[in-house]
Amino acid sequence: SFSYGGMENPCLTFVTPTLLTGDKSLALDTIAHEIIHSW
């Protein structure tokens, strides 16, 4: 039910289970995005 791809909460990024594809094809993009939010 989480509304977003990810949310950059410090120390604990929230992510949607729709990223879990088994081939990392969606995980890399979103995690790169949320990591950048650390800055």
All heavy atoms as atom14 arrays in JSON, in Angstrom:
{
  "sequence": "SFSYGGMENPCLTFVTPTLLTGDKSLALDTIAHEIIHSW",
  "atom14_mask": [
    [1, 1, 1, 1, 1, 1, 0, 0, 0, 0, 0, 0, 0, 0],
    [1, 1, 1, 1, 1, 1, 1, 1, 1, 1, 1, 0, 0, 0],
    [1, 1, 1, 1, 1, 1, 0, 0, 0, 0, 0, 0, 0, 0],
    [1, 1, 1, 1, 1, 1, 1, 1, 1, 1, 1, 1, 0, 0],
    [1, 1, 1, 1, 0, 0, 0, 0, 0, 0, 0, 0, 0, 0],
    [1, 1, 1, 1, 0, 0, 0, 0, 0, 0, 0, 0, 0, 0],
    [1, 1, 1, 1, 1, 1, 1, 1, 0, 0, 0, 0, 0, 0],
    [1, 1, 1, 1, 1, 1, 1, 1, 1, 0, 0, 0, 0, 0],
    [1, 1, 1, 1, 1, 1, 1, 1, 0, 0, 0, 0, 0, 0],
    [1, 1, 1, 1, 1, 1, 1, 0, 0, 0, 0, 0, 0, 0],
    [1, 1, 1, 1, 1, 1, 0, 0, 0, 0, 0, 0, 0, 0],
    [1, 1, 1, 1, 1, 1, 1, 1, 0, 0, 0, 0, 0, 0],
    [1, 1, 1, 1, 1, 1, 1, 0, 0, 0, 0, 0, 0, 0],
    [1, 1, 1, 1, 1, 1, 1, 1, 1, 1, 1, 0, 0, 0],
    [1, 1, 1, 1, 1, 1, 1, 0, 0, 0, 0, 0, 0, 0],
    [1, 1, 1, 1, 1, 1, 1, 0, 0, 0, 0, 0, 0, 0],
    [1, 1, 1, 1, 1, 1, 1, 0, 0, 0, 0, 0, 0, 0],
    [1, 1, 1, 1, 1, 1, 1, 0, 0, 0, 0, 0, 0, 0],
    [1, 1, 1, 1, 1, 1, 1, 1, 0, 0, 0, 0, 0, 0],
    [1, 1, 1, 1, 1, 1, 1, 1, 0, 0, 0, 0, 0, 0],
    [1, 1, 1, 1, 1, 1, 1, 0, 0, 0, 0, 0, 0, 0],
    [1, 1, 1, 1, 0, 0, 0, 0, 0, 0, 0, 0, 0, 0],
    [1, 1, 1, 1, 1, 1, 1, 1, 0, 0, 0, 0, 0, 0],
    [1, 1, 1, 1, 1, 1, 1, 1, 1, 0, 0, 0, 0, 0],
    [1, 1, 1, 1, 1, 1, 0, 0, 0, 0, 0, 0, 0, 0],
    [1, 1, 1, 1, 1, 1, 1, 1, 0, 0, 0, 0, 0, 0],
    [1, 1, 1, 1, 1, 0, 0, 0, 0, 0, 0, 0, 0, 0],
    [1, 1, 1, 1, 1, 1, 1, 1, 0, 0, 0, 0, 0, 0],
    [1, 1, 1, 1, 1, 1, 1, 1, 0, 0, 0, 0, 0, 0],
    [1, 1, 1, 1, 1, 1, 1, 0, 0, 0, 0, 0, 0, 0],
    [1, 1, 1, 1, 1, 1, 1, 1, 0, 0, 0, 0, 0, 0],
    [1, 1, 1, 1, 1, 0, 0, 0, 0, 0, 0, 0, 0, 0],
    [1, 1, 1, 1, 1, 1, 1, 1, 1, 1, 0, 0, 0, 0],
    [1, 1, 1, 1, 1, 1, 1, 1, 1, 0, 0, 0, 0, 0],
    [1, 1, 1, 1, 1, 1, 1, 1, 0, 0, 0, 0, 0, 0],
    [1, 1, 1, 1, 1, 1, 1, 1, 0, 0, 0, 0, 0, 0],
    [1, 1, 1, 1, 1, 1, 1, 1, 1, 1, 0, 0, 0, 0],
    [1, 1, 1, 1, 1, 1, 0, 0, 0, 0, 0, 0, 0, 0],
    [1, 1, 1, 1, 1, 1, 1, 1, 1, 1, 1, 1, 1, 1]
  ],
  "atom14_positions": [
    [[0.81, -1.23, 0.0], [0.0, 0.0, 0.0], [0.84, 1.27, 0.0], [0.29, 2.37, -0.18], [-0.93, 0.02, 1.22], [-0.18, -0.03, 2.43], [0.0, 0.0, 0.0], [0.0, 0.0, 0.0], [0.0, 0.0, 0.0], [0.0, 0.0, 0.0], [0.0, 0.0, 0.0], [0.0, 0.0, 0.0], [0.0, 0.0, 0.0], [0.0, 0.0, 0.0]],
    [[2.16, 1.18, 0.17], [3.02, 2.37, 0.16], [2.86, 3.12, -1.15], [2.91, 2.54, -2.23], [4.47, 1.93, 0.37], [5.45, 3.07, 0.51], [5.21, 4.13, 1.35], [6.63, 3.06, -0.24], [6.13, 5.17, 1.47], [7.55, 4.09, -0.12], [7.3, 5.14, 0.74], [0.0, 0.0, 0.0], [0.0, 0.0, 0.0], [0.0, 0.0, 0.0]],
    [[2.68, 4.44, -1.05], [2.31, 5.25, -2.22], [3.45, 5.58, -3.17], [3.19, 6.0, -4.3], [1.69, 6.58, -1.75], [0.48, 6.38, -1.08], [0.0, 0.0, 0.0], [0.0, 0.0, 0.0], [0.0, 0.0, 0.0], [0.0, 0.0, 0.0], [0.0, 0.0, 0.0], [0.0, 0.0, 0.0], [0.0, 0.0, 0.0], [0.0, 0.0, 0.0]],
    [[4.67, 5.42, -2.73], [5.8, 5.94, -3.5], [6.79, 4.83, -3.86], [6.77, 3.74, -3.28], [6.52, 7.04, -2.7], [5.6, 8.17, -2.32], [4.89, 8.15, -1.13], [5.42, 9.25, -3.19], [4.03, 9.18, -0.8], [4.57, 10.29, -2.86], [3.87, 10.25, -1.67], [3.01, 11.27, -1.34], [0.0, 0.0, 0.0], [0.0, 0.0, 0.0]],
    [[7.7, 5.13, -4.81], [8.75, 4.19, -5.12], [9.72, 4.06, -3.95], [10.18, 2.97, -3.62], [0.0, 0.0, 0.0], [0.0, 0.0, 0.0], [0.0, 0.0, 0.0], [0.0, 0.0, 0.0], [0.0, 0.0, 0.0], [0.0, 0.0, 0.0], [0.0, 0.0, 0.0], [0.0, 0.0, 0.0], [0.0, 0.0, 0.0], [0.0, 0.0, 0.0]],
    [[10.01, 5.2, -3.34], [10.89, 5.23, -2.18], [10.7, 6.52, -1.42], [10.15, 7.49, -1.94], [0.0, 0.0, 0.0], [0.0, 0.0, 0.0], [0.0, 0.0, 0.0], [0.0, 0.0, 0.0], [0.0, 0.0, 0.0], [0.0, 0.0, 0.0], [0.0, 0.0, 0.0], [0.0, 0.0, 0.0], [0.0, 0.0, 0.0], [0.0, 0.0, 0.0]],
    [[11.14, 6.54, -0.18], [11.15, 7.74, 0.64], [12.45, 7.77, 1.41], [12.78, 6.83, 2.13], [9.95, 7.78, 1.58], [9.91, 9.02, 2.47], [9.8, 10.55, 1.49], [10.59, 11.71, 2.61], [0.0, 0.0, 0.0], [0.0, 0.0, 0.0], [0.0, 0.0, 0.0], [0.0, 0.0, 0.0], [0.0, 0.0, 0.0], [0.0, 0.0, 0.0]],
    [[13.16, 8.88, 1.28], [14.55, 9.0, 1.69], [14.74, 9.28, 3.18], [15.65, 10.03, 3.57], [15.22, 10.1, 0.88], [14.65, 11.52, 1.07], [13.47, 11.87, 0.19], [12.9, 10.96, -0.44], [13.13, 13.06, 0.1], [0.0, 0.0, 0.0], [0.0, 0.0, 0.0], [0.0, 0.0, 0.0], [0.0, 0.0, 0.0], [0.0, 0.0, 0.0]],
    [[13.95, 8.7, 4.06], [14.11, 8.95, 5.48], [15.55, 8.66, 5.91], [16.09, 7.6, 5.58], [13.17, 8.04, 6.27], [11.73, 8.19, 5.83], [11.18, 9.28, 5.78], [11.11, 7.07, 5.48], [0.0, 0.0, 0.0], [0.0, 0.0, 0.0], [0.0, 0.0, 0.0], [0.0, 0.0, 0.0], [0.0, 0.0, 0.0], [0.0, 0.0, 0.0]],
    [[16.2, 9.57, 6.62], [17.6, 9.36, 7.0], [17.78, 8.05, 7.76], [16.97, 7.69, 8.62], [17.89, 10.56, 7.91], [16.92, 11.6, 7.5], [15.68, 10.86, 7.1], [0.0, 0.0, 0.0], [0.0, 0.0, 0.0], [0.0, 0.0, 0.0], [0.0, 0.0, 0.0], [0.0, 0.0, 0.0], [0.0, 0.0, 0.0], [0.0, 0.0, 0.0]],
    [[18.83, 7.34, 7.42], [19.2, 6.07, 8.07], [18.25, 4.93, 7.74], [18.56, 3.77, 8.04], [19.27, 6.21, 9.6], [20.33, 7.56, 10.16], [0.0, 0.0, 0.0], [0.0, 0.0, 0.0], [0.0, 0.0, 0.0], [0.0, 0.0, 0.0], [0.0, 0.0, 0.0], [0.0, 0.0, 0.0], [0.0, 0.0, 0.0], [0.0, 0.0, 0.0]],
    [[17.09, 5.21, 7.12], [16.12, 4.15, 6.86], [15.25, 4.53, 5.65], [14.15, 5.07, 5.81], [15.22, 3.92, 8.08], [14.25, 2.75, 7.98], [15.01, 1.42, 7.98], [13.23, 2.78, 9.12], [0.0, 0.0, 0.0], [0.0, 0.0, 0.0], [0.0, 0.0, 0.0], [0.0, 0.0, 0.0], [0.0, 0.0, 0.0], [0.0, 0.0, 0.0]],
    [[15.75, 4.24, 4.47], [14.98, 4.5, 3.25], [13.81, 3.51, 3.16], [14.0, 2.31, 3.29], [15.88, 4.37, 2.01], [16.73, 5.52, 1.92], [15.06, 4.27, 0.73], [0.0, 0.0, 0.0], [0.0, 0.0, 0.0], [0.0, 0.0, 0.0], [0.0, 0.0, 0.0], [0.0, 0.0, 0.0], [0.0, 0.0, 0.0], [0.0, 0.0, 0.0]],
    [[12.62, 4.05, 2.95], [11.44, 3.23, 2.69], [11.36, 2.94, 1.19], [11.55, 3.85, 0.37], [10.16, 3.97, 3.09], [9.9, 4.09, 4.56], [10.8, 3.62, 5.51], [8.73, 4.69, 5.01], [10.54, 3.74, 6.87], [8.46, 4.81, 6.37], [9.36, 4.34, 7.3], [0.0, 0.0, 0.0], [0.0, 0.0, 0.0], [0.0, 0.0, 0.0]],
    [[11.05, 1.7, 0.81], [10.88, 1.36, -0.61], [9.64, 0.49, -0.79], [9.2, -0.22, 0.11], [12.12, 0.66, -1.2], [13.31, 1.59, -1.27], [12.46, -0.61, -0.43], [0.0, 0.0, 0.0], [0.0, 0.0, 0.0], [0.0, 0.0, 0.0], [0.0, 0.0, 0.0], [0.0, 0.0, 0.0], [0.0, 0.0, 0.0], [0.0, 0.0, 0.0]],
    [[9.12, 0.53, -2.0], [7.95, -0.27, -2.38], [8.38, -1.69, -2.78], [9.43, -1.88, -3.4], [7.22, 0.38, -3.56], [6.24, -0.53, -4.08], [8.17, 0.74, -4.68], [0.0, 0.0, 0.0], [0.0, 0.0, 0.0], [0.0, 0.0, 0.0], [0.0, 0.0, 0.0], [0.0, 0.0, 0.0], [0.0, 0.0, 0.0], [0.0, 0.0, 0.0]],
    [[7.55, -2.68, -2.48], [7.88, -4.04, -2.93], [7.77, -4.2, -4.44], [8.21, -5.23, -4.98], [6.84, -4.91, -2.2], [5.71, -4.0, -1.88], [6.34, -2.65, -1.63], [0.0, 0.0, 0.0], [0.0, 0.0, 0.0], [0.0, 0.0, 0.0], [0.0, 0.0, 0.0], [0.0, 0.0, 0.0], [0.0, 0.0, 0.0], [0.0, 0.0, 0.0]],
    [[7.21, -3.21, -5.15], [7.14, -3.32, -6.61], [8.54, -3.24, -7.25], [8.68, -3.49, -8.44], [6.26, -2.21, -7.21], [6.82, -0.92, -6.94], [4.84, -2.27, -6.66], [0.0, 0.0, 0.0], [0.0, 0.0, 0.0], [0.0, 0.0, 0.0], [0.0, 0.0, 0.0], [0.0, 0.0, 0.0], [0.0, 0.0, 0.0], [0.0, 0.0, 0.0]],
    [[9.56, -2.92, -6.46], [10.93, -2.89, -6.98], [11.53, -4.29, -7.09], [12.55, -4.48, -7.76], [11.83, -2.04, -6.08], [11.48, -0.58, -5.89], [12.52, 0.09, -5.0], [11.39, 0.15, -7.23], [0.0, 0.0, 0.0], [0.0, 0.0, 0.0], [0.0, 0.0, 0.0], [0.0, 0.0, 0.0], [0.0, 0.0, 0.0], [0.0, 0.0, 0.0]],
    [[10.93, -5.26, -6.43], [11.53, -6.6, -6.36], [11.19, -7.39, -7.62], [10.13, -7.97, -7.75], [11.03, -7.32, -5.11], [11.31, -6.6, -3.78], [10.76, -7.41, -2.61], [12.8, -6.33, -3.6], [0.0, 0.0, 0.0], [0.0, 0.0, 0.0], [0.0, 0.0, 0.0], [0.0, 0.0, 0.0], [0.0, 0.0, 0.0], [0.0, 0.0, 0.0]],
    [[12.14, -7.39, -8.55], [11.94, -8.06, -9.83], [12.79, -9.31, -9.97], [12.57, -10.11, -10.88], [12.31, -7.11, -10.99], [13.69, -6.73, -10.86], [11.43, -5.86, -10.96], [0.0, 0.0, 0.0], [0.0, 0.0, 0.0], [0.0, 0.0, 0.0], [0.0, 0.0, 0.0], [0.0, 0.0, 0.0], [0.0, 0.0, 0.0], [0.0, 0.0, 0.0]],
    [[13.82, -9.46, -9.13], [14.73, -10.59, -9.24], [15.93, -10.33, -10.12], [16.9, -11.08, -10.1], [0.0, 0.0, 0.0], [0.0, 0.0, 0.0], [0.0, 0.0, 0.0], [0.0, 0.0, 0.0], [0.0, 0.0, 0.0], [0.0, 0.0, 0.0], [0.0, 0.0, 0.0], [0.0, 0.0, 0.0], [0.0, 0.0, 0.0], [0.0, 0.0, 0.0]],
    [[15.88, -9.24, -10.92], [17.02, -8.93, -11.8], [17.63, -7.56, -11.5], [18.48, -7.08, -12.25], [16.61, -9.0, -13.27], [15.53, -7.98, -13.64], [15.1, -7.19, -12.75], [15.11, -7.96, -14.81], [0.0, 0.0, 0.0], [0.0, 0.0, 0.0], [0.0, 0.0, 0.0], [0.0, 0.0, 0.0], [0.0, 0.0, 0.0], [0.0, 0.0, 0.0]],
    [[17.19, -6.91, -10.42], [17.71, -5.61, -9.96], [17.4, -4.47, -10.93], [17.9, -3.36, -10.76], [19.22, -5.67, -9.71], [19.65, -6.77, -8.77], [21.17, -6.8, -8.57], [21.58, -7.98, -7.71], [23.03, -8.07, -7.52], [0.0, 0.0, 0.0], [0.0, 0.0, 0.0], [0.0, 0.0, 0.0], [0.0, 0.0, 0.0], [0.0, 0.0, 0.0]],
    [[16.55, -4.73, -11.93], [16.32, -3.73, -12.98], [15.61, -2.49, -12.45], [15.77, -1.41, -13.03], [15.52, -4.34, -14.13], [14.27, -4.83, -13.68], [0.0, 0.0, 0.0], [0.0, 0.0, 0.0], [0.0, 0.0, 0.0], [0.0, 0.0, 0.0], [0.0, 0.0, 0.0], [0.0, 0.0, 0.0], [0.0, 0.0, 0.0], [0.0, 0.0, 0.0]],
    [[14.83, -2.62, -11.4], [14.16, -1.45, -10.82], [14.85, -0.99, -9.54], [14.79, 0.19, -9.19], [12.69, -1.77, -10.53], [11.82, -2.08, -11.75], [10.39, -2.35, -11.32], [11.86, -0.94, -12.77], [0.0, 0.0, 0.0], [0.0, 0.0, 0.0], [0.0, 0.0, 0.0], [0.0, 0.0, 0.0], [0.0, 0.0, 0.0], [0.0, 0.0, 0.0]],
    [[15.49, -1.91, -8.85], [16.12, -1.57, -7.57], [17.25, -0.56, -7.74], [17.37, 0.39, -6.97], [16.65, -2.83, -6.9], [0.0, 0.0, 0.0], [0.0, 0.0, 0.0], [0.0, 0.0, 0.0], [0.0, 0.0, 0.0], [0.0, 0.0, 0.0], [0.0, 0.0, 0.0], [0.0, 0.0, 0.0], [0.0, 0.0, 0.0], [0.0, 0.0, 0.0]],
    [[18.09, -0.74, -8.76], [19.25, 0.14, -8.93], [18.83, 1.59, -9.09], [19.39, 2.49, -8.44], [20.07, -0.31, -10.14], [21.0, -1.51, -9.94], [21.63, -1.9, -11.27], [22.09, -1.18, -8.93], [0.0, 0.0, 0.0], [0.0, 0.0, 0.0], [0.0, 0.0, 0.0], [0.0, 0.0, 0.0], [0.0, 0.0, 0.0], [0.0, 0.0, 0.0]],
    [[17.84, 1.85, -9.95], [17.41, 3.23, -10.2], [16.91, 3.89, -8.92], [17.33, 5.0, -8.56], [16.26, 3.26, -11.23], [16.59, 2.57, -12.53], [17.4, 1.63, -12.51], [16.03, 2.97, -13.55], [0.0, 0.0, 0.0], [0.0, 0.0, 0.0], [0.0, 0.0, 0.0], [0.0, 0.0, 0.0], [0.0, 0.0, 0.0], [0.0, 0.0, 0.0]],
    [[15.98, 3.21, -8.26], [15.34, 3.81, -7.1], [16.32, 3.97, -5.94], [16.33, 5.02, -5.27], [14.13, 2.98, -6.65], [13.21, 2.91, -7.75], [13.44, 3.59, -5.45], [0.0, 0.0, 0.0], [0.0, 0.0, 0.0], [0.0, 0.0, 0.0], [0.0, 0.0, 0.0], [0.0, 0.0, 0.0], [0.0, 0.0, 0.0], [0.0, 0.0, 0.0]],
    [[17.15, 2.97, -5.67], [18.09, 3.08, -4.56], [19.14, 4.16, -4.86], [19.53, 4.91, -3.95], [18.75, 1.74, -4.24], [17.67, 0.71, -3.89], [19.73, 1.88, -3.09], [16.68, 1.18, -2.84], [0.0, 0.0, 0.0], [0.0, 0.0, 0.0], [0.0, 0.0, 0.0], [0.0, 0.0, 0.0], [0.0, 0.0, 0.0], [0.0, 0.0, 0.0]],
    [[19.57, 4.26, -6.11], [20.48, 5.36, -6.47], [19.82, 6.7, -6.15], [20.45, 7.61, -5.57], [20.85, 5.28, -7.95], [0.0, 0.0, 0.0], [0.0, 0.0, 0.0], [0.0, 0.0, 0.0], [0.0, 0.0, 0.0], [0.0, 0.0, 0.0], [0.0, 0.0, 0.0], [0.0, 0.0, 0.0], [0.0, 0.0, 0.0], [0.0, 0.0, 0.0]],
    [[18.56, 6.84, -6.51], [17.82, 8.09, -6.26], [17.75, 8.38, -4.77], [18.06, 9.49, -4.32], [16.42, 7.97, -6.86], [15.6, 9.21, -6.76], [15.53, 10.13, -7.79], [14.84, 9.71, -5.76], [14.74, 11.12, -7.43], [14.31, 10.89, -6.19], [0.0, 0.0, 0.0], [0.0, 0.0, 0.0], [0.0, 0.0, 0.0], [0.0, 0.0, 0.0]],
    [[17.34, 7.38, -3.97], [17.16, 7.62, -2.54], [18.49, 7.86, -1.83], [18.56, 8.65, -0.88], [16.41, 6.45, -1.9], [15.06, 6.13, -2.53], [14.14, 7.33, -2.65], [14.26, 8.27, -1.84], [13.29, 7.34, -3.56], [0.0, 0.0, 0.0], [0.0, 0.0, 0.0], [0.0, 0.0, 0.0], [0.0, 0.0, 0.0], [0.0, 0.0, 0.0]],
    [[19.55, 7.2, -2.28], [20.87, 7.45, -1.71], [21.31, 8.89, -1.95], [21.83, 9.56, -1.04], [21.9, 6.45, -2.28], [21.75, 5.09, -1.59], [23.33, 6.96, -2.11], [22.6, 3.99, -2.18], [0.0, 0.0, 0.0], [0.0, 0.0, 0.0], [0.0, 0.0, 0.0], [0.0, 0.0, 0.0], [0.0, 0.0, 0.0], [0.0, 0.0, 0.0]],
    [[21.08, 9.4, -3.14], [21.45, 10.78, -3.46], [20.75, 11.76, -2.52], [21.31, 12.8, -2.14], [21.12, 11.11, -4.93], [22.05, 10.33, -5.87], [21.25, 12.6, -5.21], [23.51, 10.67, -5.75], [0.0, 0.0, 0.0], [0.0, 0.0, 0.0], [0.0, 0.0, 0.0], [0.0, 0.0, 0.0], [0.0, 0.0, 0.0], [0.0, 0.0, 0.0]],
    [[19.53, 11.43, -2.11], [18.82, 12.31, -1.18], [19.57, 12.48, 0.14], [19.29, 13.44, 0.88], [17.42, 11.76, -0.9], [16.38, 12.23, -1.86], [16.16, 13.57, -2.12], [15.47, 11.55, -2.61], [15.16, 13.69, -2.99], [14.74, 12.48, -3.3], [0.0, 0.0, 0.0], [0.0, 0.0, 0.0], [0.0, 0.0, 0.0], [0.0, 0.0, 0.0]],
    [[20.49, 11.59, 0.46], [21.29, 11.75, 1.68], [22.06, 13.06, 1.66], [22.43, 13.6, 2.72], [22.25, 10.57, 1.87], [21.54, 9.35, 1.9], [0.0, 0.0, 0.0], [0.0, 0.0, 0.0], [0.0, 0.0, 0.0], [0.0, 0.0, 0.0], [0.0, 0.0, 0.0], [0.0, 0.0, 0.0], [0.0, 0.0, 0.0], [0.0, 0.0, 0.0]],
    [[22.33, 13.57, 0.47], [22.98, 14.87, 0.3], [21.98, 15.93, -0.17], [21.92, 17.02, 0.39], [24.11, 14.75, -0.72], [25.28, 13.95, -0.27], [26.42, 14.43, 0.32], [25.44, 12.53, -0.34], [27.28, 13.4, 0.61], [26.71, 12.22, 0.21], [24.66, 11.49, -0.83], [27.21, 10.92, 0.28], [25.14, 10.19, -0.74], [26.4, 9.91, -0.2]]
  ]
}
